[in-house]
N, C-alpha and C. Protein backbone atom coordinates (compact mmCIF):
# COMPACT_ATOMS: atom_id res chain seq x y z
N MET A 1 130.77 82.38 -68.65
CA MET A 1 129.76 83.24 -69.26
C MET A 1 130.30 84.66 -69.32
N SER A 2 130.02 85.30 -70.39
CA SER A 2 130.52 86.66 -70.55
C SER A 2 129.56 87.67 -69.93
N ILE A 3 130.11 88.80 -69.58
CA ILE A 3 129.31 89.89 -69.00
C ILE A 3 128.31 90.42 -70.02
N GLU A 4 128.69 90.43 -71.28
CA GLU A 4 127.81 90.92 -72.34
C GLU A 4 126.49 90.14 -72.39
N PHE A 5 126.57 88.86 -72.12
CA PHE A 5 125.38 88.01 -72.16
C PHE A 5 124.35 88.48 -71.12
N PHE A 6 124.82 88.89 -69.95
CA PHE A 6 123.92 89.29 -68.88
C PHE A 6 123.49 90.76 -68.96
N LYS A 7 123.91 91.46 -70.00
CA LYS A 7 123.44 92.83 -70.18
C LYS A 7 122.02 92.86 -70.73
N LYS A 8 121.57 91.74 -71.30
CA LYS A 8 120.18 91.67 -71.77
C LYS A 8 119.28 91.44 -70.56
N PRO A 9 118.26 92.26 -70.37
CA PRO A 9 117.39 92.13 -69.20
C PRO A 9 116.70 90.77 -69.08
N VAL A 10 116.37 90.14 -70.20
CA VAL A 10 115.70 88.84 -70.13
C VAL A 10 116.62 87.79 -69.51
N HIS A 11 117.90 87.87 -69.79
CA HIS A 11 118.84 86.91 -69.22
C HIS A 11 119.01 87.15 -67.72
N LEU A 12 119.00 88.41 -67.32
CA LEU A 12 119.05 88.73 -65.89
C LEU A 12 117.81 88.19 -65.17
N ALA A 13 116.66 88.32 -65.79
CA ALA A 13 115.41 87.83 -65.19
C ALA A 13 115.46 86.31 -65.03
N LEU A 14 115.93 85.60 -66.04
CA LEU A 14 116.03 84.14 -65.95
C LEU A 14 117.03 83.73 -64.87
N PHE A 15 118.15 84.43 -64.82
CA PHE A 15 119.16 84.14 -63.81
C PHE A 15 118.62 84.40 -62.40
N ALA A 16 117.83 85.45 -62.24
CA ALA A 16 117.25 85.78 -60.93
C ALA A 16 116.29 84.68 -60.48
N ILE A 17 115.49 84.15 -61.39
CA ILE A 17 114.56 83.06 -61.05
C ILE A 17 115.34 81.86 -60.53
N ILE A 18 116.41 81.50 -61.21
CA ILE A 18 117.21 80.34 -60.82
C ILE A 18 117.89 80.58 -59.48
N LEU A 19 118.49 81.74 -59.33
CA LEU A 19 119.23 82.05 -58.11
C LEU A 19 118.32 82.11 -56.88
N CYS A 20 117.18 82.77 -57.02
CA CYS A 20 116.27 82.94 -55.89
C CYS A 20 115.72 81.62 -55.38
N TYR A 21 115.68 80.62 -56.22
CA TYR A 21 115.14 79.32 -55.82
C TYR A 21 116.06 78.61 -54.83
N PHE A 22 117.36 78.81 -54.99
CA PHE A 22 118.33 78.04 -54.21
C PHE A 22 118.97 78.79 -53.05
N ILE A 23 119.05 80.11 -53.13
CA ILE A 23 119.77 80.87 -52.10
C ILE A 23 118.94 80.97 -50.82
N PRO A 24 119.52 80.64 -49.68
CA PRO A 24 118.76 80.66 -48.42
C PRO A 24 118.31 82.06 -47.99
N TYR A 25 118.95 83.09 -48.50
CA TYR A 25 118.61 84.45 -48.09
C TYR A 25 117.46 85.04 -48.90
N THR A 26 116.93 84.27 -49.83
CA THR A 26 115.79 84.73 -50.63
C THR A 26 114.65 83.72 -50.49
N PRO A 27 114.00 83.70 -49.32
CA PRO A 27 112.93 82.70 -49.12
C PRO A 27 111.69 83.02 -49.93
N TYR A 28 110.90 81.99 -50.17
CA TYR A 28 109.61 82.15 -50.83
C TYR A 28 108.55 82.54 -49.80
N MET A 29 108.69 82.04 -48.57
CA MET A 29 107.72 82.33 -47.53
C MET A 29 108.47 82.68 -46.25
N LYS A 30 107.91 83.66 -45.53
CA LYS A 30 108.51 84.08 -44.27
C LYS A 30 107.39 84.36 -43.28
N ALA A 31 107.49 83.78 -42.09
CA ALA A 31 106.49 84.01 -41.04
C ALA A 31 107.22 84.44 -39.77
N GLU A 32 106.72 85.50 -39.15
CA GLU A 32 107.32 85.99 -37.91
C GLU A 32 106.28 86.01 -36.81
N ASP A 33 106.66 85.48 -35.67
CA ASP A 33 105.84 85.53 -34.46
C ASP A 33 106.67 86.16 -33.36
N GLU A 34 106.04 87.05 -32.60
CA GLU A 34 106.74 87.69 -31.49
C GLU A 34 106.03 87.32 -30.19
N TYR A 35 106.84 86.97 -29.19
CA TYR A 35 106.32 86.61 -27.88
C TYR A 35 106.98 87.50 -26.83
N GLY A 36 106.22 87.89 -25.83
CA GLY A 36 106.75 88.71 -24.77
C GLY A 36 106.80 90.17 -25.15
N GLU A 37 107.30 90.98 -24.20
CA GLU A 37 107.40 92.42 -24.44
C GLU A 37 108.71 92.95 -23.91
N GLY A 38 109.12 94.09 -24.45
CA GLY A 38 110.32 94.76 -23.99
C GLY A 38 111.57 93.92 -24.20
N SER A 39 112.40 93.84 -23.15
CA SER A 39 113.66 93.10 -23.26
C SER A 39 113.44 91.59 -23.26
N ASP A 40 112.23 91.14 -22.89
CA ASP A 40 111.93 89.70 -22.88
C ASP A 40 111.33 89.22 -24.20
N LYS A 41 111.27 90.11 -25.18
CA LYS A 41 110.64 89.75 -26.46
C LYS A 41 111.49 88.74 -27.22
N ILE A 42 110.82 87.72 -27.73
CA ILE A 42 111.47 86.68 -28.54
C ILE A 42 110.79 86.69 -29.91
N THR A 43 111.60 86.73 -30.95
CA THR A 43 111.09 86.70 -32.32
C THR A 43 111.39 85.34 -32.92
N ASN A 44 110.34 84.70 -33.40
CA ASN A 44 110.44 83.38 -34.02
C ASN A 44 110.20 83.56 -35.52
N THR A 45 111.22 83.29 -36.35
CA THR A 45 111.11 83.48 -37.79
C THR A 45 111.21 82.13 -38.49
N THR A 46 110.20 81.82 -39.27
CA THR A 46 110.18 80.59 -40.06
C THR A 46 110.28 80.98 -41.53
N THR A 47 111.23 80.39 -42.24
CA THR A 47 111.39 80.68 -43.67
C THR A 47 111.43 79.39 -44.47
N ILE A 48 110.94 79.49 -45.70
CA ILE A 48 110.98 78.36 -46.62
C ILE A 48 111.47 78.88 -47.98
N THR A 49 112.60 78.36 -48.44
CA THR A 49 113.11 78.72 -49.76
C THR A 49 112.41 77.85 -50.80
N GLY A 50 112.65 78.13 -52.05
CA GLY A 50 112.08 77.32 -53.12
C GLY A 50 112.54 75.87 -53.03
N TRP A 51 113.84 75.68 -52.81
CA TRP A 51 114.37 74.33 -52.70
C TRP A 51 113.76 73.60 -51.50
N GLN A 52 113.64 74.30 -50.36
CA GLN A 52 113.03 73.69 -49.18
C GLN A 52 111.57 73.32 -49.44
N MET A 53 110.89 74.10 -50.27
CA MET A 53 109.51 73.79 -50.63
C MET A 53 109.47 72.44 -51.35
N LEU A 54 110.44 72.20 -52.21
CA LEU A 54 110.50 70.96 -52.97
C LEU A 54 110.75 69.75 -52.07
N VAL A 55 111.64 69.91 -51.10
CA VAL A 55 112.02 68.78 -50.24
C VAL A 55 111.27 68.78 -48.91
N SER A 56 110.25 69.62 -48.77
CA SER A 56 109.42 69.72 -47.55
C SER A 56 110.27 69.99 -46.31
N ASP A 57 111.03 71.06 -46.37
CA ASP A 57 111.89 71.44 -45.25
C ASP A 57 111.63 72.91 -44.92
N LEU A 58 112.12 73.38 -43.80
CA LEU A 58 111.98 74.77 -43.39
C LEU A 58 113.10 75.13 -42.44
N THR A 59 113.25 76.43 -42.19
CA THR A 59 114.25 76.93 -41.26
C THR A 59 113.55 77.76 -40.20
N ILE A 60 113.85 77.48 -38.95
CA ILE A 60 113.30 78.26 -37.83
C ILE A 60 114.47 78.92 -37.12
N LYS A 61 114.36 80.24 -36.97
CA LYS A 61 115.41 81.02 -36.30
C LYS A 61 114.75 81.81 -35.18
N ARG A 62 115.31 81.74 -34.01
CA ARG A 62 114.78 82.47 -32.86
C ARG A 62 115.81 83.49 -32.38
N GLU A 63 115.30 84.70 -32.09
CA GLU A 63 116.16 85.78 -31.61
C GLU A 63 115.53 86.41 -30.38
N GLY A 64 116.35 86.80 -29.47
CA GLY A 64 115.88 87.44 -28.25
C GLY A 64 116.80 87.09 -27.09
N LYS A 65 116.56 87.73 -25.97
CA LYS A 65 117.42 87.58 -24.80
C LYS A 65 117.50 86.12 -24.33
N ASP A 66 116.36 85.50 -24.13
CA ASP A 66 116.33 84.12 -23.63
C ASP A 66 115.87 83.13 -24.69
N ALA A 67 116.09 83.44 -25.94
CA ALA A 67 115.61 82.58 -27.03
C ALA A 67 116.44 81.31 -27.11
N LYS A 68 115.76 80.19 -27.21
CA LYS A 68 116.41 78.90 -27.42
C LYS A 68 116.06 78.44 -28.82
N GLN A 69 117.01 77.84 -29.48
CA GLN A 69 116.77 77.36 -30.84
C GLN A 69 115.73 76.24 -30.83
N ALA A 70 115.02 76.13 -31.91
CA ALA A 70 113.95 75.13 -32.02
C ALA A 70 114.53 73.73 -31.93
N THR A 71 113.82 72.88 -31.22
CA THR A 71 114.24 71.48 -31.10
C THR A 71 113.83 70.73 -32.36
N SER A 72 114.38 69.55 -32.53
CA SER A 72 114.04 68.75 -33.70
C SER A 72 112.56 68.36 -33.68
N ASP A 73 111.97 68.16 -32.50
CA ASP A 73 110.54 67.85 -32.41
C ASP A 73 109.70 69.04 -32.88
N GLN A 74 110.08 70.25 -32.49
CA GLN A 74 109.35 71.44 -32.91
C GLN A 74 109.45 71.64 -34.42
N ILE A 75 110.61 71.37 -34.97
CA ILE A 75 110.80 71.50 -36.41
C ILE A 75 109.96 70.46 -37.14
N GLU A 76 109.93 69.23 -36.63
CA GLU A 76 109.12 68.18 -37.26
C GLU A 76 107.63 68.52 -37.20
N ARG A 77 107.17 69.07 -36.09
CA ARG A 77 105.75 69.48 -35.98
C ARG A 77 105.42 70.58 -36.98
N ALA A 78 106.35 71.53 -37.13
CA ALA A 78 106.13 72.62 -38.10
C ALA A 78 106.10 72.05 -39.53
N LYS A 79 106.97 71.10 -39.83
CA LYS A 79 106.96 70.46 -41.15
C LYS A 79 105.65 69.73 -41.39
N GLU A 80 105.16 69.02 -40.38
CA GLU A 80 103.88 68.31 -40.52
C GLU A 80 102.74 69.29 -40.77
N TYR A 81 102.75 70.39 -40.05
CA TYR A 81 101.68 71.38 -40.22
C TYR A 81 101.70 71.99 -41.61
N LEU A 82 102.91 72.28 -42.11
CA LEU A 82 103.01 72.96 -43.41
C LEU A 82 102.97 72.01 -44.61
N PHE A 83 103.53 70.79 -44.46
CA PHE A 83 103.66 69.90 -45.61
C PHE A 83 102.91 68.58 -45.48
N GLY A 84 102.52 68.19 -44.26
CA GLY A 84 101.86 66.90 -44.05
C GLY A 84 102.89 65.87 -43.61
N PRO A 85 102.51 64.68 -43.26
CA PRO A 85 101.16 64.14 -43.14
C PRO A 85 100.43 64.75 -41.96
N LYS A 86 99.18 64.41 -41.80
CA LYS A 86 98.31 64.99 -40.78
C LYS A 86 98.92 64.78 -39.38
N PRO A 87 99.18 65.89 -38.66
CA PRO A 87 99.74 65.76 -37.31
C PRO A 87 98.70 65.23 -36.32
N ASN A 88 99.18 64.64 -35.26
CA ASN A 88 98.28 64.14 -34.21
C ASN A 88 97.47 65.29 -33.62
N GLY A 89 96.19 65.06 -33.41
CA GLY A 89 95.33 66.07 -32.81
C GLY A 89 94.75 67.06 -33.80
N ALA A 90 95.09 66.95 -35.07
CA ALA A 90 94.54 67.86 -36.07
C ALA A 90 93.10 67.46 -36.37
N GLY A 91 92.27 68.45 -36.64
CA GLY A 91 90.85 68.20 -36.91
C GLY A 91 90.63 67.55 -38.26
N ASP A 92 89.38 67.18 -38.51
CA ASP A 92 89.04 66.52 -39.78
C ASP A 92 89.20 67.43 -40.98
N SER A 93 89.08 68.74 -40.78
CA SER A 93 89.17 69.67 -41.90
C SER A 93 90.61 70.12 -42.17
N TRP A 94 91.57 69.54 -41.47
CA TRP A 94 92.97 69.93 -41.63
C TRP A 94 93.50 69.54 -43.00
N SER A 95 94.27 70.43 -43.59
CA SER A 95 95.02 70.11 -44.80
C SER A 95 96.33 70.89 -44.74
N PRO A 96 97.41 70.35 -45.31
CA PRO A 96 98.69 71.06 -45.23
C PRO A 96 98.64 72.37 -46.00
N ALA A 97 99.45 73.31 -45.55
CA ALA A 97 99.50 74.62 -46.20
C ALA A 97 100.12 74.54 -47.59
N TYR A 98 101.08 73.62 -47.79
CA TYR A 98 101.76 73.50 -49.07
C TYR A 98 101.62 72.08 -49.59
N GLY A 99 101.37 71.98 -50.89
CA GLY A 99 101.16 70.67 -51.50
C GLY A 99 101.91 70.50 -52.80
N ILE A 100 101.35 69.69 -53.68
CA ILE A 100 102.00 69.35 -54.94
C ILE A 100 102.19 70.57 -55.85
N LEU A 101 101.26 71.51 -55.83
CA LEU A 101 101.40 72.71 -56.66
C LEU A 101 102.67 73.47 -56.29
N ASP A 102 102.97 73.52 -54.99
CA ASP A 102 104.17 74.23 -54.54
C ASP A 102 105.44 73.52 -54.98
N LYS A 103 105.38 72.22 -55.09
CA LYS A 103 106.54 71.46 -55.56
C LYS A 103 106.77 71.65 -57.06
N LEU A 104 105.71 72.02 -57.79
CA LEU A 104 105.86 72.26 -59.22
C LEU A 104 106.66 73.51 -59.55
N SER A 105 106.96 74.32 -58.54
CA SER A 105 107.77 75.52 -58.80
C SER A 105 109.15 75.15 -59.32
N ILE A 106 109.58 73.91 -59.11
CA ILE A 106 110.87 73.47 -59.67
C ILE A 106 110.82 73.51 -61.20
N LEU A 107 109.64 73.32 -61.78
CA LEU A 107 109.51 73.37 -63.24
C LEU A 107 109.76 74.78 -63.78
N VAL A 108 109.42 75.79 -62.99
CA VAL A 108 109.71 77.18 -63.38
C VAL A 108 111.22 77.37 -63.46
N VAL A 109 111.93 76.82 -62.48
CA VAL A 109 113.38 76.96 -62.43
C VAL A 109 114.04 76.15 -63.55
N VAL A 110 113.59 74.93 -63.77
CA VAL A 110 114.15 74.10 -64.84
C VAL A 110 113.91 74.77 -66.21
N GLY A 111 112.71 75.31 -66.40
CA GLY A 111 112.41 76.02 -67.65
C GLY A 111 113.29 77.24 -67.82
N ALA A 112 113.49 78.00 -66.74
CA ALA A 112 114.36 79.18 -66.80
C ALA A 112 115.80 78.77 -67.12
N LEU A 113 116.23 77.65 -66.55
CA LEU A 113 117.58 77.15 -66.81
C LEU A 113 117.73 76.74 -68.28
N LEU A 114 116.73 76.05 -68.82
CA LEU A 114 116.76 75.66 -70.24
C LEU A 114 116.79 76.89 -71.15
N LEU A 115 115.95 77.88 -70.84
CA LEU A 115 115.92 79.10 -71.65
C LEU A 115 117.26 79.83 -71.59
N LEU A 116 117.82 79.94 -70.40
CA LEU A 116 119.10 80.63 -70.22
C LEU A 116 120.22 79.90 -70.95
N PHE A 117 120.28 78.59 -70.80
CA PHE A 117 121.34 77.80 -71.43
C PHE A 117 121.24 77.85 -72.96
N THR A 118 120.03 77.72 -73.49
CA THR A 118 119.85 77.76 -74.95
C THR A 118 120.18 79.14 -75.50
N ASN A 119 119.75 80.19 -74.80
CA ASN A 119 120.09 81.55 -75.24
C ASN A 119 121.60 81.79 -75.20
N TYR A 120 122.26 81.20 -74.22
CA TYR A 120 123.72 81.31 -74.13
C TYR A 120 124.38 80.62 -75.32
N GLN A 121 123.88 79.44 -75.68
CA GLN A 121 124.42 78.73 -76.84
C GLN A 121 124.21 79.55 -78.11
N LYS A 122 123.03 80.14 -78.26
CA LYS A 122 122.76 80.96 -79.45
C LYS A 122 123.67 82.19 -79.50
N ALA A 123 123.91 82.81 -78.34
CA ALA A 123 124.77 83.99 -78.30
C ALA A 123 126.20 83.67 -78.71
N ASN A 124 126.62 82.43 -78.46
CA ASN A 124 127.98 82.01 -78.83
C ASN A 124 128.01 81.27 -80.17
N ASN A 125 126.91 81.34 -80.93
CA ASN A 125 126.80 80.69 -82.23
C ASN A 125 127.08 79.19 -82.18
N GLU A 126 126.66 78.56 -81.10
CA GLU A 126 126.80 77.11 -80.96
C GLU A 126 125.49 76.45 -81.39
N PRO A 127 125.54 75.21 -81.86
CA PRO A 127 124.30 74.52 -82.22
C PRO A 127 123.49 74.21 -80.95
N THR A 128 122.17 74.33 -81.08
CA THR A 128 121.29 74.06 -79.94
C THR A 128 120.41 72.86 -80.24
N LYS A 129 120.03 72.15 -79.21
CA LYS A 129 119.16 70.98 -79.36
C LYS A 129 117.69 71.38 -79.32
N ILE A 130 117.42 72.59 -78.83
CA ILE A 130 116.03 73.06 -78.69
C ILE A 130 115.79 74.15 -79.73
N ASP A 131 114.80 73.93 -80.60
CA ASP A 131 114.50 74.93 -81.62
C ASP A 131 113.64 76.06 -81.04
N ASP A 132 113.41 77.10 -81.84
CA ASP A 132 112.68 78.29 -81.38
C ASP A 132 111.24 77.98 -80.97
N GLU A 133 110.61 77.05 -81.67
CA GLU A 133 109.22 76.70 -81.34
C GLU A 133 109.14 76.06 -79.95
N LYS A 134 110.07 75.17 -79.66
CA LYS A 134 110.10 74.54 -78.33
C LYS A 134 110.48 75.55 -77.25
N LEU A 135 111.34 76.49 -77.60
CA LEU A 135 111.71 77.55 -76.64
C LEU A 135 110.49 78.38 -76.25
N GLU A 136 109.65 78.68 -77.22
CA GLU A 136 108.43 79.44 -76.92
C GLU A 136 107.49 78.65 -76.01
N ILE A 137 107.40 77.34 -76.23
CA ILE A 137 106.57 76.50 -75.37
C ILE A 137 107.12 76.48 -73.95
N ILE A 138 108.43 76.36 -73.81
CA ILE A 138 109.06 76.38 -72.49
C ILE A 138 108.82 77.72 -71.81
N LYS A 139 108.93 78.81 -72.58
CA LYS A 139 108.70 80.15 -72.02
C LYS A 139 107.25 80.29 -71.53
N VAL A 140 106.29 79.77 -72.30
CA VAL A 140 104.88 79.82 -71.88
C VAL A 140 104.67 79.02 -70.60
N ILE A 141 105.33 77.86 -70.49
CA ILE A 141 105.21 77.04 -69.27
C ILE A 141 105.80 77.79 -68.08
N VAL A 142 106.97 78.39 -68.26
CA VAL A 142 107.60 79.16 -67.16
C VAL A 142 106.69 80.30 -66.72
N ILE A 143 106.15 81.04 -67.68
CA ILE A 143 105.29 82.17 -67.35
C ILE A 143 103.99 81.68 -66.70
N GLY A 144 103.37 80.66 -67.28
CA GLY A 144 102.11 80.15 -66.74
C GLY A 144 102.24 79.61 -65.33
N LEU A 145 103.24 78.75 -65.12
CA LEU A 145 103.43 78.20 -63.77
C LEU A 145 103.87 79.29 -62.79
N GLY A 146 104.74 80.17 -63.26
CA GLY A 146 105.22 81.25 -62.38
C GLY A 146 104.09 82.16 -61.93
N LEU A 147 103.23 82.53 -62.87
CA LEU A 147 102.09 83.40 -62.52
C LEU A 147 101.01 82.64 -61.75
N GLY A 148 101.03 81.33 -61.83
CA GLY A 148 100.06 80.53 -61.08
C GLY A 148 100.51 80.22 -59.67
N ILE A 149 101.81 80.07 -59.46
CA ILE A 149 102.32 79.65 -58.15
C ILE A 149 102.84 80.81 -57.31
N LEU A 150 103.66 81.67 -57.87
CA LEU A 150 104.36 82.70 -57.09
C LEU A 150 103.45 83.72 -56.41
N PRO A 151 102.33 84.15 -57.02
CA PRO A 151 101.47 85.09 -56.30
C PRO A 151 100.90 84.52 -55.01
N ARG A 152 100.83 83.21 -54.92
CA ARG A 152 100.35 82.54 -53.71
C ARG A 152 101.22 82.91 -52.50
N TYR A 153 102.52 83.06 -52.71
CA TYR A 153 103.42 83.42 -51.62
C TYR A 153 103.45 84.93 -51.40
N CYS A 154 103.42 85.68 -52.50
CA CYS A 154 103.53 87.13 -52.38
C CYS A 154 102.29 87.76 -51.76
N PHE A 155 101.13 87.26 -52.12
CA PHE A 155 99.89 87.81 -51.60
C PHE A 155 99.29 86.80 -50.65
N ASN A 156 99.44 87.07 -49.39
CA ASN A 156 99.11 86.15 -48.31
C ASN A 156 97.77 85.47 -48.51
N THR A 157 97.78 84.15 -48.57
CA THR A 157 96.54 83.38 -48.72
C THR A 157 96.24 82.57 -47.48
N PHE A 158 97.01 82.78 -46.42
CA PHE A 158 96.83 81.97 -45.22
C PHE A 158 95.99 82.66 -44.16
N GLY A 159 95.57 83.90 -44.38
CA GLY A 159 94.73 84.60 -43.42
C GLY A 159 95.49 85.04 -42.18
N ASN A 160 96.80 85.06 -42.23
CA ASN A 160 97.62 85.44 -41.09
C ASN A 160 98.50 86.60 -41.53
N ASN A 161 98.39 87.72 -40.83
CA ASN A 161 99.15 88.92 -41.21
C ASN A 161 100.65 88.71 -41.11
N GLN A 162 101.06 87.75 -40.25
CA GLN A 162 102.49 87.58 -40.02
C GLN A 162 103.16 86.71 -41.07
N VAL A 163 102.39 86.06 -41.93
CA VAL A 163 102.96 85.26 -43.02
C VAL A 163 103.04 86.16 -44.24
N ILE A 164 104.24 86.36 -44.73
CA ILE A 164 104.43 87.26 -45.87
C ILE A 164 105.25 86.56 -46.95
N GLY A 165 105.14 87.08 -48.14
CA GLY A 165 105.97 86.57 -49.22
C GLY A 165 107.41 86.97 -48.98
N GLY A 166 108.30 86.03 -49.18
CA GLY A 166 109.71 86.30 -48.98
C GLY A 166 110.31 87.02 -50.18
N LEU A 167 111.52 87.47 -50.03
CA LEU A 167 112.23 88.21 -51.07
C LEU A 167 112.34 87.39 -52.36
N GLY A 168 112.60 86.10 -52.23
CA GLY A 168 112.73 85.24 -53.41
C GLY A 168 111.46 85.16 -54.22
N ALA A 169 110.32 85.08 -53.53
CA ALA A 169 109.04 85.01 -54.23
C ALA A 169 108.78 86.31 -54.99
N TRP A 170 109.05 87.44 -54.36
CA TRP A 170 108.81 88.73 -55.02
C TRP A 170 109.73 88.93 -56.22
N ILE A 171 111.02 88.63 -56.05
CA ILE A 171 111.96 88.80 -57.16
C ILE A 171 111.58 87.87 -58.31
N SER A 172 111.25 86.62 -57.99
CA SER A 172 110.87 85.66 -59.03
C SER A 172 109.59 86.08 -59.74
N LEU A 173 108.62 86.58 -58.98
CA LEU A 173 107.37 87.02 -59.60
C LEU A 173 107.60 88.20 -60.54
N ILE A 174 108.42 89.15 -60.11
CA ILE A 174 108.73 90.30 -60.97
C ILE A 174 109.47 89.83 -62.22
N ALA A 175 110.38 88.86 -62.07
CA ALA A 175 111.11 88.33 -63.23
C ALA A 175 110.17 87.62 -64.20
N VAL A 176 109.21 86.86 -63.68
CA VAL A 176 108.25 86.15 -64.54
C VAL A 176 107.35 87.16 -65.26
N ILE A 177 106.92 88.20 -64.56
CA ILE A 177 106.11 89.25 -65.19
C ILE A 177 106.93 89.94 -66.29
N PHE A 178 108.21 90.16 -66.03
CA PHE A 178 109.08 90.75 -67.05
C PHE A 178 109.15 89.84 -68.28
N LEU A 179 109.29 88.53 -68.06
CA LEU A 179 109.33 87.59 -69.19
C LEU A 179 108.03 87.66 -70.00
N ALA A 180 106.90 87.76 -69.28
CA ALA A 180 105.61 87.81 -69.95
C ALA A 180 105.45 89.08 -70.78
N LEU A 181 105.99 90.17 -70.30
CA LEU A 181 105.84 91.47 -70.98
C LEU A 181 107.13 91.93 -71.66
N GLU A 182 108.04 91.00 -71.90
CA GLU A 182 109.37 91.32 -72.42
C GLU A 182 109.32 92.16 -73.70
N VAL A 183 108.51 91.76 -74.65
CA VAL A 183 108.47 92.46 -75.94
C VAL A 183 107.99 93.90 -75.75
N ARG A 184 106.94 94.07 -74.97
CA ARG A 184 106.42 95.44 -74.74
C ARG A 184 107.41 96.30 -73.98
N ILE A 185 108.01 95.73 -72.94
CA ILE A 185 108.96 96.50 -72.14
C ILE A 185 110.17 96.92 -73.00
N MET A 186 110.67 95.99 -73.81
CA MET A 186 111.83 96.32 -74.64
C MET A 186 111.48 97.37 -75.69
N LYS A 187 110.25 97.35 -76.21
CA LYS A 187 109.82 98.40 -77.16
C LYS A 187 109.78 99.75 -76.46
N LEU A 188 109.26 99.79 -75.23
CA LEU A 188 109.21 101.04 -74.48
C LEU A 188 110.61 101.56 -74.17
N LEU A 189 111.51 100.66 -73.83
CA LEU A 189 112.87 101.08 -73.50
C LEU A 189 113.64 101.56 -74.73
N SER A 190 113.30 101.05 -75.91
CA SER A 190 114.02 101.45 -77.12
C SER A 190 113.56 102.79 -77.68
N LYS A 191 112.41 103.29 -77.20
CA LYS A 191 111.89 104.59 -77.69
C LYS A 191 112.69 105.74 -77.15
């Protein structure tokens, strides 16, 4: 891919959506719990990337003087709590924090990949299999699903101050908003 192709802001936005979904350093969800005080403080950080959301996985990292890494049983319990099935001892009103809607975020990434690939083919004057009308439909799906799913991570819906939207969710949300307002933003920038 040429550098010229990525000078267009829309291509950068599409690339950011794809990249943020897979890179472990750009999680969609991040939760921090602190135990103890002073030098005995232990920080427990749980993160979920976009890909981990799809495969119902998570990462737990513990830091502190006497911090021990999470055992496989603790990780499995955290997975049950966040993704299901119902863990032992859970009440009747229990439901997992993440469900099928969260798994649909892969469609945002697939749509962004299709848009990026087709735009790359057009930039190189290659024939494309997807016409402009279908591209617009894909763009509407990416924007609709992105604006429907990503704010859920960015704006805490779990009632816990320590659960925050991760860097990947914020970058992806900003990229989707840019896609939605692309024409207006480009008109403002050209003035």
